């Protein structure tokens, strides 16, 4: 299982009149749209999503996916052709 942490940072002008409201709107948009992330033919599900606003918006989440490790042992097609020995 792979556990990948992601932090999206939204930076804007600090003197904007409605900076906090704009950051909240961006956080709401990300909440609605980052439940699942398309990746090739599959979708990655996000977990532990949260956000906070200090000087900028930090939107954080984790992706927890199973990773398949390829088998390096050769497949046995015929027992007669296998010279690895039997245990």
C-alpha atoms as a PDB file:
ATOM      1  CA  UNK A   1       0.000   0.000   0.000  1.00  0.00           C
ATOM      2  CA  UNK A   2       1.398   3.377  -1.010  1.00  0.00           C
ATOM      3  CA  UNK A   3       0.493   6.466   1.003  1.00  0.00           C
ATOM      4  CA  UNK A   4       1.153   9.681  -0.952  1.00  0.00           C
ATOM      5  CA  UNK A   5       0.632  13.065   0.714  1.00  0.00           C
ATOM      6  CA  UNK A   6      -0.337  16.032  -1.475  1.00  0.00           C
ATOM      7  CA  UNK A   7      -0.401  19.725  -0.526  1.00  0.00           C
ATOM      8  CA  UNK A   8      -1.939  22.174  -3.003  1.00  0.00           C
ATOM      9  CA  UNK A   9      -1.099  25.788  -2.212  1.00  0.00           C
ATOM     10  CA  UNK A  10      -3.277  28.653  -3.501  1.00  0.00           C
ATOM     11  CA  UNK A  11      -1.418  31.977  -3.341  1.00  0.00           C
ATOM     12  CA  UNK A  12      -3.026  35.317  -4.115  1.00  0.00           C
ATOM     13  CA  UNK A  13      -2.387  38.996  -3.522  1.00  0.00           C
ATOM     14  CA  UNK A  14      -2.306  39.749   0.174  1.00  0.00           C
ATOM     15  CA  UNK A  15      -3.999  43.140  -0.241  1.00  0.00           C
ATOM     16  CA  UNK A  16      -7.108  41.804  -2.000  1.00  0.00           C
ATOM     17  CA  UNK A  17     -10.314  42.970  -0.329  1.00  0.00           C
ATOM     18  CA  UNK A  18     -12.027  39.586  -0.356  1.00  0.00           C
ATOM     19  CA  UNK A  19      -8.923  37.353  -0.143  1.00  0.00           C
ATOM     20  CA  UNK A  20     -10.301  35.100   2.616  1.00  0.00           C
ATOM     21  CA  UNK A  21     -13.656  34.609   0.859  1.00  0.00           C
ATOM     22  CA  UNK A  22     -11.868  33.810  -2.416  1.00  0.00           C
ATOM     23  CA  UNK A  23      -9.650  31.248  -0.670  1.00  0.00           C
ATOM     24  CA  UNK A  24     -12.733  29.651   0.920  1.00  0.00           C
ATOM     25  CA  UNK A  25     -14.398  29.466  -2.496  1.00  0.00           C
ATOM     26  CA  UNK A  26     -11.308  27.739  -3.936  1.00  0.00           C
ATOM     27  CA  UNK A  27     -11.272  25.290  -0.995  1.00  0.00           C
ATOM     28  CA  UNK A  28     -14.960  24.491  -1.557  1.00  0.00           C
ATOM     29  CA  UNK A  29     -14.290  23.938  -5.265  1.00  0.00           C
ATOM     30  CA  UNK A  30     -11.400  21.585  -4.478  1.00  0.00           C
ATOM     31  CA  UNK A  31     -13.563  19.725  -1.942  1.00  0.00           C
ATOM     32  CA  UNK A  32     -16.240  19.135  -4.563  1.00  0.00           C
ATOM     33  CA  UNK A  33     -13.838  18.109  -7.329  1.00  0.00           C
ATOM     34  CA  UNK A  34     -11.006  16.206  -5.668  1.00  0.00           C
ATOM     35  CA  UNK A  35     -12.938  13.327  -4.136  1.00  0.00           C
ATOM     36  CA  UNK A  36     -11.692  11.221  -7.073  1.00  0.00           C
ATOM     37  CA  UNK A  37      -8.875  12.099  -9.471  1.00  0.00           C
ATOM     38  CA  UNK A  38      -8.892  10.585 -12.986  1.00  0.00           C
ATOM     39  CA  UNK A  39      -5.633   8.773 -13.717  1.00  0.00           C
ATOM     40  CA  UNK A  40      -5.423   6.983 -17.054  1.00  0.00           C
ATOM     41  CA  UNK A  41      -8.226   4.420 -17.172  1.00  0.00           C
ATOM     42  CA  UNK A  42      -8.672   4.484 -13.378  1.00  0.00           C
ATOM     43  CA  UNK A  43      -9.685   6.924 -10.641  1.00  0.00           C
ATOM     44  CA  UNK A  44      -7.603   7.629  -7.559  1.00  0.00           C
ATOM     45  CA  UNK A  45      -9.600   8.166  -4.380  1.00  0.00           C
ATOM     46  CA  UNK A  46      -8.425  10.847  -1.968  1.00  0.00           C
ATOM     47  CA  UNK A  47      -8.448  10.437   1.817  1.00  0.00           C
ATOM     48  CA  UNK A  48      -8.034  12.683   4.843  1.00  0.00           C
ATOM     49  CA  UNK A  49      -8.820  15.864   2.913  1.00  0.00           C
ATOM     50  CA  UNK A  50      -8.475  19.087   4.883  1.00  0.00           C
ATOM     51  CA  UNK A  51      -7.581  22.704   4.310  1.00  0.00           C
ATOM     52  CA  UNK A  52      -6.510  25.760   6.247  1.00  0.00           C
ATOM     53  CA  UNK A  53      -5.973  29.404   5.429  1.00  0.00           C
ATOM     54  CA  UNK A  54      -3.112  31.354   6.953  1.00  0.00           C
ATOM     55  CA  UNK A  55      -1.348  33.636   4.480  1.00  0.00           C
ATOM     56  CA  UNK A  56      -2.385  31.262   1.682  1.00  0.00           C
ATOM     57  CA  UNK A  57      -4.710  28.312   1.273  1.00  0.00           C
ATOM     58  CA  UNK A  58      -3.202  24.875   1.932  1.00  0.00           C
ATOM     59  CA  UNK A  59      -5.404  22.044   0.660  1.00  0.00           C
ATOM     60  CA  UNK A  60      -4.008  18.697   1.779  1.00  0.00           C
ATOM     61  CA  UNK A  61      -5.046  15.123   1.107  1.00  0.00           C
ATOM     62  CA  UNK A  62      -3.628  11.622   0.856  1.00  0.00           C
ATOM     63  CA  UNK A  63      -3.800   9.043  -1.876  1.00  0.00           C
ATOM     64  CA  UNK A  64      -3.708   5.468  -0.581  1.00  0.00           C
ATOM     65  CA  UNK A  65      -3.296   2.982  -3.400  1.00  0.00           C
ATOM     66  CA  UNK A  66      -2.262  -0.610  -3.637  1.00  0.00           C
ATOM     67  CA  UNK A  67       0.777  -1.174  -5.803  1.00  0.00           C
ATOM     68  CA  UNK A  68       1.394  -4.464  -7.535  1.00  0.00           C
ATOM     69  CA  UNK A  69       5.008  -5.584  -7.615  1.00  0.00           C
ATOM     70  CA  UNK A  70       5.727  -7.610 -10.730  1.00  0.00           C
ATOM     71  CA  UNK A  71       6.751 -11.223 -10.204  1.00  0.00           C
ATOM     72  CA  UNK A  72      10.302 -11.775 -11.459  1.00  0.00           C
ATOM     73  CA  UNK A  73      10.173 -15.583 -11.216  1.00  0.00           C
ATOM     74  CA  UNK A  74       9.650 -17.173 -14.620  1.00  0.00           C
ATOM     75  CA  UNK A  75       6.429 -19.035 -15.200  1.00  0.00           C
ATOM     76  CA  UNK A  76       6.871 -22.784 -15.627  1.00  0.00           C
ATOM     77  CA  UNK A  77       5.437 -23.808 -18.964  1.00  0.00           C
ATOM     78  CA  UNK A  78       6.505 -27.434 -18.806  1.00  0.00           C
ATOM     79  CA  UNK A  79       7.968 -29.322 -15.876  1.00  0.00           C
ATOM     80  CA  UNK A  80      10.511 -30.999 -18.150  1.00  0.00           C
ATOM     81  CA  UNK A  81      11.982 -27.630 -19.182  1.00  0.00           C
ATOM     82  CA  UNK A  82      12.405 -26.388 -15.585  1.00  0.00           C
ATOM     83  CA  UNK A  83      15.995 -26.873 -14.362  1.00  0.00           C
ATOM     84  CA  UNK A  84      15.660 -25.023 -11.050  1.00  0.00           C
ATOM     85  CA  UNK A  85      15.193 -28.168  -9.017  1.00  0.00           C
ATOM     86  CA  UNK A  86      12.348 -29.254  -6.786  1.00  0.00           C
ATOM     87  CA  UNK A  87      12.237 -28.936  -3.006  1.00  0.00           C
END
